[in-house]
Amino acid sequence: MCTDIFSKAPVSGSAKGPDGWFTVHEVHIGYDHPFRAPLEHAVTVDFVDGASRHRVAVELSLEAAREVATRLLHTIEQAEAYERTVAA
């Protein structure tokens, strides 16, 4: 059964695909049947260049997605603290 859990947001960044680096303009995040991961459902994260439709896709278990989210937030907190010290 499809979950219909999906969201997207504009982002600014770069990703590396099979043809090299490209600009990323959107991120698509969902929870549904994966294409490749050996899971019933997966958290999917696609970084997309809207113009050329280049993309980098990741399919994660719930546990792996939570770990990535936790470490991402921790890294952001450290980066913000660093930026505050540099600006001071």
PDB file of N, CA and C in Angstrom:
ATOM      1  N   MET A   1       0.842  -1.175   0.000  1.00  0.00           N
ATOM      2  CA  MET A   1       0.000   0.000   0.000  1.00  0.00           C
ATOM      3  C   MET A   1       0.885   1.236   0.000  1.00  0.00           C
ATOM      4  N   CYS A   2       0.564   2.190  -0.858  1.00  0.00           N
ATOM      5  CA  CYS A   2       1.301   3.449  -0.914  1.00  0.00           C
ATOM      6  C   CYS A   2       0.945   4.305   0.297  1.00  0.00           C
ATOM      7  N   THR A   3       1.921   5.064   0.771  1.00  0.00           N
ATOM      8  CA  THR A   3       1.708   5.850   1.979  1.00  0.00           C
ATOM      9  C   THR A   3       1.255   7.276   1.692  1.00  0.00           C
ATOM     10  N   ASP A   4       1.546   7.800   0.527  1.00  0.00           N
ATOM     11  CA  ASP A   4       1.263   9.196   0.171  1.00  0.00           C
ATOM     12  C   ASP A   4       1.986  10.185   1.074  1.00  0.00           C
ATOM     13  N   ILE A   5       3.091   9.754   1.699  1.00  0.00           N
ATOM     14  CA  ILE A   5       3.907  10.645   2.527  1.00  0.00           C
ATOM     15  C   ILE A   5       4.986  11.232   1.627  1.00  0.00           C
ATOM     16  N   PHE A   6       4.898  12.540   1.371  1.00  0.00           N
ATOM     17  CA  PHE A   6       5.823  13.187   0.446  1.00  0.00           C
ATOM     18  C   PHE A   6       5.860  14.689   0.719  1.00  0.00           C
ATOM     19  N   SER A   7       7.051  15.263   0.625  1.00  0.00           N
ATOM     20  CA  SER A   7       7.185  16.707   0.679  1.00  0.00           C
ATOM     21  C   SER A   7       8.375  17.111  -0.169  1.00  0.00           C
ATOM     22  N   LYS A   8       8.387  18.364  -0.559  1.00  0.00           N
ATOM     23  CA  LYS A   8       9.537  18.887  -1.294  1.00  0.00           C
ATOM     24  C   LYS A   8       9.801  20.306  -0.850  1.00  0.00           C
ATOM     25  N   ALA A   9      11.041  20.737  -1.045  1.00  0.00           N
ATOM     26  CA  ALA A   9      11.435  22.075  -0.627  1.00  0.00           C
ATOM     27  C   ALA A   9      12.528  22.584  -1.552  1.00  0.00           C
ATOM     28  N   PRO A  10      12.562  23.890  -1.754  1.00  0.00           N
ATOM     29  CA  PRO A  10      13.672  24.460  -2.512  1.00  0.00           C
ATOM     30  C   PRO A  10      14.952  24.406  -1.676  1.00  0.00           C
ATOM     31  N   VAL A  11      16.075  24.119  -2.313  1.00  0.00           N
ATOM     32  CA  VAL A  11      17.375  24.106  -1.647  1.00  0.00           C
ATOM     33  C   VAL A  11      18.401  24.747  -2.569  1.00  0.00           C
ATOM     34  N   SER A  12      19.542  25.054  -2.018  1.00  0.00           N
ATOM     35  CA  SER A  12      20.646  25.598  -2.792  1.00  0.00           C
ATOM     36  C   SER A  12      21.874  24.771  -2.472  1.00  0.00           C
ATOM     37  N   GLY A  13      22.438  24.136  -3.481  1.00  0.00           N
ATOM     38  CA  GLY A  13      23.611  23.316  -3.237  1.00  0.00           C
ATOM     39  C   GLY A  13      24.080  22.617  -4.499  1.00  0.00           C
ATOM     40  N   SER A  14      24.930  21.623  -4.319  1.00  0.00           N
ATOM     41  CA  SER A  14      25.470  20.842  -5.421  1.00  0.00           C
ATOM     42  C   SER A  14      25.447  19.367  -5.051  1.00  0.00           C
ATOM     43  N   ALA A  15      25.392  18.533  -6.085  1.00  0.00           N
ATOM     44  CA  ALA A  15      25.439  17.077  -5.897  1.00  0.00           C
ATOM     45  C   ALA A  15      26.288  16.485  -7.005  1.00  0.00           C
ATOM     46  N   LYS A  16      26.834  15.310  -6.740  1.00  0.00           N
ATOM     47  CA  LYS A  16      27.658  14.650  -7.747  1.00  0.00           C
ATOM     48  C   LYS A  16      26.936  13.410  -8.240  1.00  0.00           C
ATOM     49  N   GLY A  17      26.682  13.361  -9.530  1.00  0.00           N
ATOM     50  CA  GLY A  17      26.033  12.226 -10.165  1.00  0.00           C
ATOM     51  C   GLY A  17      26.997  11.527 -11.104  1.00  0.00           C
ATOM     52  N   PRO A  18      26.494  10.604 -11.910  1.00  0.00           N
ATOM     53  CA  PRO A  18      27.375   9.843 -12.806  1.00  0.00           C
ATOM     54  C   PRO A  18      28.073  10.702 -13.863  1.00  0.00           C
ATOM     55  N   ASP A  19      27.514  11.878 -14.175  1.00  0.00           N
ATOM     56  CA  ASP A  19      28.122  12.773 -15.164  1.00  0.00           C
ATOM     57  C   ASP A  19      28.885  13.928 -14.523  1.00  0.00           C
ATOM     58  N   GLY A  20      29.108  13.860 -13.208  1.00  0.00           N
ATOM     59  CA  GLY A  20      29.832  14.908 -12.511  1.00  0.00           C
ATOM     60  C   GLY A  20      28.910  15.766 -11.653  1.00  0.00           C
ATOM     61  N   TRP A  21      29.404  16.933 -11.275  1.00  0.00           N
ATOM     62  CA  TRP A  21      28.685  17.826 -10.370  1.00  0.00           C
ATOM     63  C   TRP A  21      27.577  18.573 -11.091  1.00  0.00           C
ATOM     64  N   PHE A  22      26.484  18.819 -10.373  1.00  0.00           N
ATOM     65  CA  PHE A  22      25.395  19.635 -10.903  1.00  0.00           C
ATOM     66  C   PHE A  22      24.757  20.412  -9.762  1.00  0.00           C
ATOM     67  N   THR A  23      24.064  21.492 -10.112  1.00  0.00           N
ATOM     68  CA  THR A  23      23.402  22.334  -9.130  1.00  0.00           C
ATOM     69  C   THR A  23      22.112  21.675  -8.666  1.00  0.00           C
ATOM     70  N   VAL A  24      21.861  21.752  -7.372  1.00  0.00           N
ATOM     71  CA  VAL A  24      20.642  21.187  -6.789  1.00  0.00           C
ATOM     72  C   VAL A  24      19.693  22.336  -6.452  1.00  0.00           C
ATOM     73  N   HIS A  25      18.432  22.196  -6.881  1.00  0.00           N
ATOM     74  CA  HIS A  25      17.432  23.241  -6.652  1.00  0.00           C
ATOM     75  C   HIS A  25      16.280  22.786  -5.752  1.00  0.00           C
ATOM     76  N   GLU A  26      16.063  21.468  -5.633  1.00  0.00           N
ATOM     77  CA  GLU A  26      14.963  20.942  -4.820  1.00  0.00           C
ATOM     78  C   GLU A  26      15.403  19.689  -4.090  1.00  0.00           C
ATOM     79  N   VAL A  27      14.753  19.433  -2.967  1.00  0.00           N
ATOM     80  CA  VAL A  27      14.877  18.146  -2.297  1.00  0.00           C
ATOM     81  C   VAL A  27      13.472  17.566  -2.176  1.00  0.00           C
ATOM     82  N   HIS A  28      13.348  16.305  -2.509  1.00  0.00           N
ATOM     83  CA  HIS A  28      12.082  15.573  -2.377  1.00  0.00           C
ATOM     84  C   HIS A  28      12.286  14.513  -1.307  1.00  0.00           C
ATOM     85  N   ILE A  29      11.408  14.496  -0.322  1.00  0.00           N
ATOM     86  CA  ILE A  29      11.524  13.552   0.783  1.00  0.00           C
ATOM     87  C   ILE A  29      10.200  12.813   0.926  1.00  0.00           C
ATOM     88  N   GLY A  30      10.282  11.496   1.053  1.00  0.00           N
ATOM     89  CA  GLY A  30       9.062  10.721   1.178  1.00  0.00           C
ATOM     90  C   GLY A  30       9.276   9.445   1.969  1.00  0.00           C
ATOM     91  N   TYR A  31       8.203   8.730   2.132  1.00  0.00           N
ATOM     92  CA  TYR A  31       8.239   7.426   2.801  1.00  0.00           C
ATOM     93  C   TYR A  31       7.297   6.522   2.026  1.00  0.00           C
ATOM     94  N   ASP A  32       7.867   5.578   1.293  1.00  0.00           N
ATOM     95  CA  ASP A  32       7.047   4.715   0.448  1.00  0.00           C
ATOM     96  C   ASP A  32       7.856   3.489   0.045  1.00  0.00           C
ATOM     97  N   HIS A  33       7.344   2.722  -0.902  1.00  0.00           N
ATOM     98  CA  HIS A  33       8.061   1.554  -1.397  1.00  0.00           C
ATOM     99  C   HIS A  33       9.342   2.013  -2.105  1.00  0.00           C
ATOM    100  N   PRO A  34      10.484   1.456  -1.743  1.00  0.00           N
ATOM    101  CA  PRO A  34      11.725   1.845  -2.414  1.00  0.00           C
ATOM    102  C   PRO A  34      11.839   1.186  -3.791  1.00  0.00           C
ATOM    103  N   PHE A  35      12.652   1.752  -4.633  1.00  0.00           N
ATOM    104  CA  PHE A  35      12.934   1.151  -5.933  1.00  0.00           C
ATOM    105  C   PHE A  35      13.985   0.065  -5.814  1.00  0.00           C
ATOM    106  N   ARG A  36      14.968   0.264  -4.933  1.00  0.00           N
ATOM    107  CA  ARG A  36      16.121  -0.631  -4.892  1.00  0.00           C
ATOM    108  C   ARG A  36      16.399  -1.242  -3.524  1.00  0.00           C
ATOM    109  N   ALA A  37      16.231  -0.476  -2.449  1.00  0.00           N
ATOM    110  CA  ALA A  37      16.560  -0.961  -1.105  1.00  0.00           C
ATOM    111  C   ALA A  37      15.695  -2.175  -0.752  1.00  0.00           C
ATOM    112  N   PRO A  38      16.263  -3.161  -0.101  1.00  0.00           N
ATOM    113  CA  PRO A  38      15.508  -4.369   0.257  1.00  0.00           C
ATOM    114  C   PRO A  38      14.638  -4.145   1.506  1.00  0.00           C
ATOM    115  N   LEU A  39      13.705  -3.210   1.407  1.00  0.00           N
ATOM    116  CA  LEU A  39      12.826  -2.839   2.512  1.00  0.00           C
ATOM    117  C   LEU A  39      11.393  -2.775   2.007  1.00  0.00           C
ATOM    118  N   GLU A  40      10.440  -2.995   2.893  1.00  0.00           N
ATOM    119  CA  GLU A  40       9.032  -2.840   2.522  1.00  0.00           C
ATOM    120  C   GLU A  40       8.710  -1.374   2.228  1.00  0.00           C
ATOM    121  N   HIS A  41       9.195  -0.494   3.095  1.00  0.00           N
ATOM    122  CA  HIS A  41       9.071   0.954   2.914  1.00  0.00           C
ATOM    123  C   HIS A  41      10.417   1.578   3.267  1.00  0.00           C
ATOM    124  N   ALA A  42      10.692   2.744   2.705  1.00  0.00           N
ATOM    125  CA  ALA A  42      11.946   3.438   2.982  1.00  0.00           C
ATOM    126  C   ALA A  42      11.705   4.936   2.981  1.00  0.00           C
ATOM    127  N   VAL A  43      12.549   5.639   3.734  1.00  0.00           N
ATOM    128  CA  VAL A  43      12.601   7.088   3.633  1.00  0.00           C
ATOM    129  C   VAL A  43      13.429   7.372   2.388  1.00  0.00           C
ATOM    130  N   THR A  44      12.860   8.134   1.473  1.00  0.00           N
ATOM    131  CA  THR A  44      13.558   8.455   0.233  1.00  0.00           C
ATOM    132  C   THR A  44      13.914   9.940   0.232  1.00  0.00           C
ATOM    133  N   VAL A  45      15.135  10.221  -0.191  1.00  0.00           N
ATOM    134  CA  VAL A  45      15.605  11.593  -0.287  1.00  0.00           C
ATOM    135  C   VAL A  45      16.198  11.752  -1.683  1.00  0.00           C
ATOM    136  N   ASP A  46      15.627  12.655  -2.461  1.00  0.00           N
ATOM    137  CA  ASP A  46      16.112  12.937  -3.810  1.00  0.00           C
ATOM    138  C   ASP A  46      16.529  14.397  -3.893  1.00  0.00           C
ATOM    139  N   PHE A  47      17.785  14.634  -4.241  1.00  0.00           N
ATOM    140  CA  PHE A  47      18.264  15.980  -4.510  1.00  0.00           C
ATOM    141  C   PHE A  47      18.183  16.175  -6.019  1.00  0.00           C
ATOM    142  N   VAL A  48      17.450  17.207  -6.451  1.00  0.00           N
ATOM    143  CA  VAL A  48      17.066  17.334  -7.850  1.00  0.00           C
ATOM    144  C   VAL A  48      17.469  18.691  -8.421  1.00  0.00           C
ATOM    145  N   ASP A  49      17.945  18.659  -9.671  1.00  0.00           N
ATOM    146  CA  ASP A  49      18.111  19.873 -10.467  1.00  0.00           C
ATOM    147  C   ASP A  49      16.874  19.956 -11.342  1.00  0.00           C
ATOM    148  N   GLY A  50      15.989  20.874 -11.038  1.00  0.00           N
ATOM    149  CA  GLY A  50      14.705  20.955 -11.720  1.00  0.00           C
ATOM    150  C   GLY A  50      14.788  21.109 -13.224  1.00  0.00           C
ATOM    151  N   ALA A  51      15.802  21.791 -13.733  1.00  0.00           N
ATOM    152  CA  ALA A  51      15.888  22.060 -15.172  1.00  0.00           C
ATOM    153  C   ALA A  51      16.256  20.804 -15.966  1.00  0.00           C
ATOM    154  N   SER A  52      17.310  20.138 -15.566  1.00  0.00           N
ATOM    155  CA  SER A  52      17.794  18.982 -16.332  1.00  0.00           C
ATOM    156  C   SER A  52      17.252  17.655 -15.812  1.00  0.00           C
ATOM    157  N   ARG A  53      16.637  17.686 -14.654  1.00  0.00           N
ATOM    158  CA  ARG A  53      16.117  16.496 -13.974  1.00  0.00           C
ATOM    159  C   ARG A  53      17.227  15.549 -13.517  1.00  0.00           C
ATOM    160  N   HIS A  54      18.481  16.052 -13.430  1.00  0.00           N
ATOM    161  CA  HIS A  54      19.524  15.264 -12.776  1.00  0.00           C
ATOM    162  C   HIS A  54      19.099  15.066 -11.332  1.00  0.00           C
ATOM    163  N   ARG A  55      19.466  13.935 -10.755  1.00  0.00           N
ATOM    164  CA  ARG A  55      19.117  13.716  -9.361  1.00  0.00           C
ATOM    165  C   ARG A  55      20.078  12.753  -8.709  1.00  0.00           C
ATOM    166  N   VAL A  56      20.142  12.861  -7.394  1.00  0.00           N
ATOM    167  CA  VAL A  56      20.836  11.900  -6.556  1.00  0.00           C
ATOM    168  C   VAL A  56      19.800  11.385  -5.576  1.00  0.00           C
ATOM    169  N   ALA A  57      19.600  10.077  -5.565  1.00  0.00           N
ATOM    170  CA  ALA A  57      18.554   9.479  -4.741  1.00  0.00           C
ATOM    171  C   ALA A  57      19.162   8.585  -3.673  1.00  0.00           C
ATOM    172  N   VAL A  58      18.531   8.607  -2.489  1.00  0.00           N
ATOM    173  CA  VAL A  58      18.941   7.755  -1.370  1.00  0.00           C
ATOM    174  C   VAL A  58      17.683   7.124  -0.785  1.00  0.00           C
ATOM    175  N   GLU A  59      17.745   5.832  -0.490  1.00  0.00           N
ATOM    176  CA  GLU A  59      16.649   5.126   0.178  1.00  0.00           C
ATOM    177  C   GLU A  59      17.181   4.564   1.490  1.00  0.00           C
ATOM    178  N   LEU A  60      16.548   4.933   2.604  1.00  0.00           N
ATOM    179  CA  LEU A  60      17.047   4.578   3.932  1.00  0.00           C
ATOM    180  C   LEU A  60      15.977   3.898   4.774  1.00  0.00           C
ATOM    181  N   SER A  61      16.420   3.004   5.652  1.00  0.00           N
ATOM    182  CA  SER A  61      15.506   2.474   6.656  1.00  0.00           C
ATOM    183  C   SER A  61      15.133   3.606   7.607  1.00  0.00           C
ATOM    184  N   LEU A  62      14.067   3.418   8.368  1.00  0.00           N
ATOM    185  CA  LEU A  62      13.687   4.444   9.350  1.00  0.00           C
ATOM    186  C   LEU A  62      14.813   4.711  10.330  1.00  0.00           C
ATOM    187  N   GLU A  63      15.479   3.641  10.785  1.00  0.00           N
ATOM    188  CA  GLU A  63      16.566   3.804  11.750  1.00  0.00           C
ATOM    189  C   GLU A  63      17.730   4.591  11.148  1.00  0.00           C
ATOM    190  N   ALA A  64      18.088   4.268   9.913  1.00  0.00           N
ATOM    191  CA  ALA A  64      19.191   4.974   9.261  1.00  0.00           C
ATOM    192  C   ALA A  64      18.823   6.437   9.014  1.00  0.00           C
ATOM    193  N   ALA A  65      17.589   6.700   8.594  1.00  0.00           N
ATOM    194  CA  ALA A  65      17.146   8.077   8.356  1.00  0.00           C
ATOM    195  C   ALA A  65      17.189   8.884   9.649  1.00  0.00           C
ATOM    196  N   ARG A  66      16.774   8.287  10.751  1.00  0.00           N
ATOM    197  CA  ARG A  66      16.819   8.989  12.039  1.00  0.00           C
ATOM    198  C   ARG A  66      18.263   9.308  12.420  1.00  0.00           C
ATOM    199  N   GLU A  67      19.179   8.372  12.203  1.00  0.00           N
ATOM    200  CA  GLU A  67      20.595   8.599  12.521  1.00  0.00           C
ATOM    201  C   GLU A  67      21.167   9.715  11.654  1.00  0.00           C
ATOM    202  N   VAL A  68      20.854   9.712  10.378  1.00  0.00           N
ATOM    203  CA  VAL A  68      21.319  10.779   9.487  1.00  0.00           C
ATOM    204  C   VAL A  68      20.761  12.126   9.945  1.00  0.00           C
ATOM    205  N   ALA A  69      19.468  12.177  10.264  1.00  0.00           N
ATOM    206  CA  ALA A  69      18.844  13.426  10.711  1.00  0.00           C
ATOM    207  C   ALA A  69      19.494  13.923  12.001  1.00  0.00           C
ATOM    208  N   THR A  70      19.742  13.034  12.939  1.00  0.00           N
ATOM    209  CA  THR A  70      20.373  13.405  14.208  1.00  0.00           C
ATOM    210  C   THR A  70      21.761  13.974  13.978  1.00  0.00           C
ATOM    211  N   ARG A  71      22.551  13.292  13.154  1.00  0.00           N
ATOM    212  CA  ARG A  71      23.925  13.755  12.899  1.00  0.00           C
ATOM    213  C   ARG A  71      23.945  15.032  12.070  1.00  0.00           C
ATOM    214  N   LEU A  72      22.993  15.182  11.169  1.00  0.00           N
ATOM    215  CA  LEU A  72      22.889  16.419  10.395  1.00  0.00           C
ATOM    216  C   LEU A  72      22.585  17.605  11.305  1.00  0.00           C
ATOM    217  N   LEU A  73      21.623  17.444  12.206  1.00  0.00           N
ATOM    218  CA  LEU A  73      21.289  18.517  13.145  1.00  0.00           C
ATOM    219  C   LEU A  73      22.467  18.843  14.059  1.00  0.00           C
ATOM    220  N   HIS A  74      23.185  17.819  14.506  1.00  0.00           N
ATOM    221  CA  HIS A  74      24.358  18.038  15.355  1.00  0.00           C
ATOM    222  C   HIS A  74      25.428  18.829  14.594  1.00  0.00           C
ATOM    223  N   THR A  75      25.660  18.475  13.342  1.00  0.00           N
ATOM    224  CA  THR A  75      26.642  19.175  12.527  1.00  0.00           C
ATOM    225  C   THR A  75      26.229  20.623  12.305  1.00  0.00           C
ATOM    226  N   ILE A  76      24.949  20.864  12.075  1.00  0.00           N
ATOM    227  CA  ILE A  76      24.447  22.229  11.901  1.00  0.00           C
ATOM    228  C   ILE A  76      24.667  23.047  13.167  1.00  0.00           C
ATOM    229  N   GLU A  77      24.389  22.454  14.327  1.00  0.00           N
ATOM    230  CA  GLU A  77      24.610  23.157  15.597  1.00  0.00           C
ATOM    231  C   GLU A  77      26.086  23.530  15.758  1.00  0.00           C
ATOM    232  N   GLN A  78      26.978  22.601  15.441  1.00  0.00           N
ATOM    233  CA  GLN A  78      28.410  22.883  15.537  1.00  0.00           C
ATOM    234  C   GLN A  78      28.823  23.969  14.553  1.00  0.00           C
ATOM    235  N   ALA A  79      28.305  23.920  13.342  1.00  0.00           N
ATOM    236  CA  ALA A  79      28.638  24.922  12.326  1.00  0.00           C
ATOM    237  C   ALA A  79      28.144  26.306  12.737  1.00  0.00           C
ATOM    238  N   GLU A  80      26.941  26.375  13.296  1.00  0.00           N
ATOM    239  CA  GLU A  80      26.422  27.655  13.753  1.00  0.00           C
ATOM    240  C   GLU A  80      27.251  28.220  14.894  1.00  0.00           C
ATOM    241  N   ALA A  81      27.671  27.359  15.814  1.00  0.00           N
ATOM    242  CA  ALA A  81      28.529  27.808  16.910  1.00  0.00           C
ATOM    243  C   ALA A  81      29.867  28.308  16.370  1.00  0.00           C
ATOM    244  N   TYR A  82      30.422  27.616  15.413  1.00  0.00           N
ATOM    245  CA  TYR A  82      31.673  28.045  14.786  1.00  0.00           C
ATOM    246  C   TYR A  82      31.495  29.405  14.122  1.00  0.00           C
ATOM    247  N   GLU A  83      30.439  29.571  13.362  1.00  0.00           N
ATOM    248  CA  GLU A  83      30.189  30.841  12.662  1.00  0.00           C
ATOM    249  C   GLU A  83      30.026  31.993  13.647  1.00  0.00           C
ATOM    250  N   ARG A  84      29.424  31.737  14.813  1.00  0.00           N
ATOM    251  CA  ARG A  84      29.296  32.786  15.830  1.00  0.00           C
ATOM    252  C   ARG A  84      30.664  33.208  16.351  1.00  0.00           C
ATOM    253  N   THR A  85      31.586  32.258  16.522  1.00  0.00           N
ATOM    254  CA  THR A  85      32.918  32.603  17.032  1.00  0.00           C
ATOM    255  C   THR A  85      33.734  33.347  15.985  1.00  0.00           C
ATOM    256  N   VAL A  86      33.554  33.000  14.722  1.00  0.00           N
ATOM    257  CA  VAL A  86      34.284  33.675  13.641  1.00  0.00           C
ATOM    258  C   VAL A  86      33.787  35.105  13.489  1.00  0.00           C
ATOM    259  N   ALA A  87      32.482  35.304  13.633  1.00  0.00           N
ATOM    260  CA  ALA A  87      31.881  36.634  13.465  1.00  0.00           C
ATOM    261  C   ALA A  87      32.194  37.559  14.644  1.00  0.00           C
ATOM    262  N   ALA A  88      32.549  36.990  15.779  1.00  0.00           N
ATOM    263  CA  ALA A  88      32.770  37.803  16.982  1.00  0.00           C
ATOM    264  C   ALA A  88      34.082  38.545  16.953  1.00  0.00           C
TER     265      ALA A  88
END
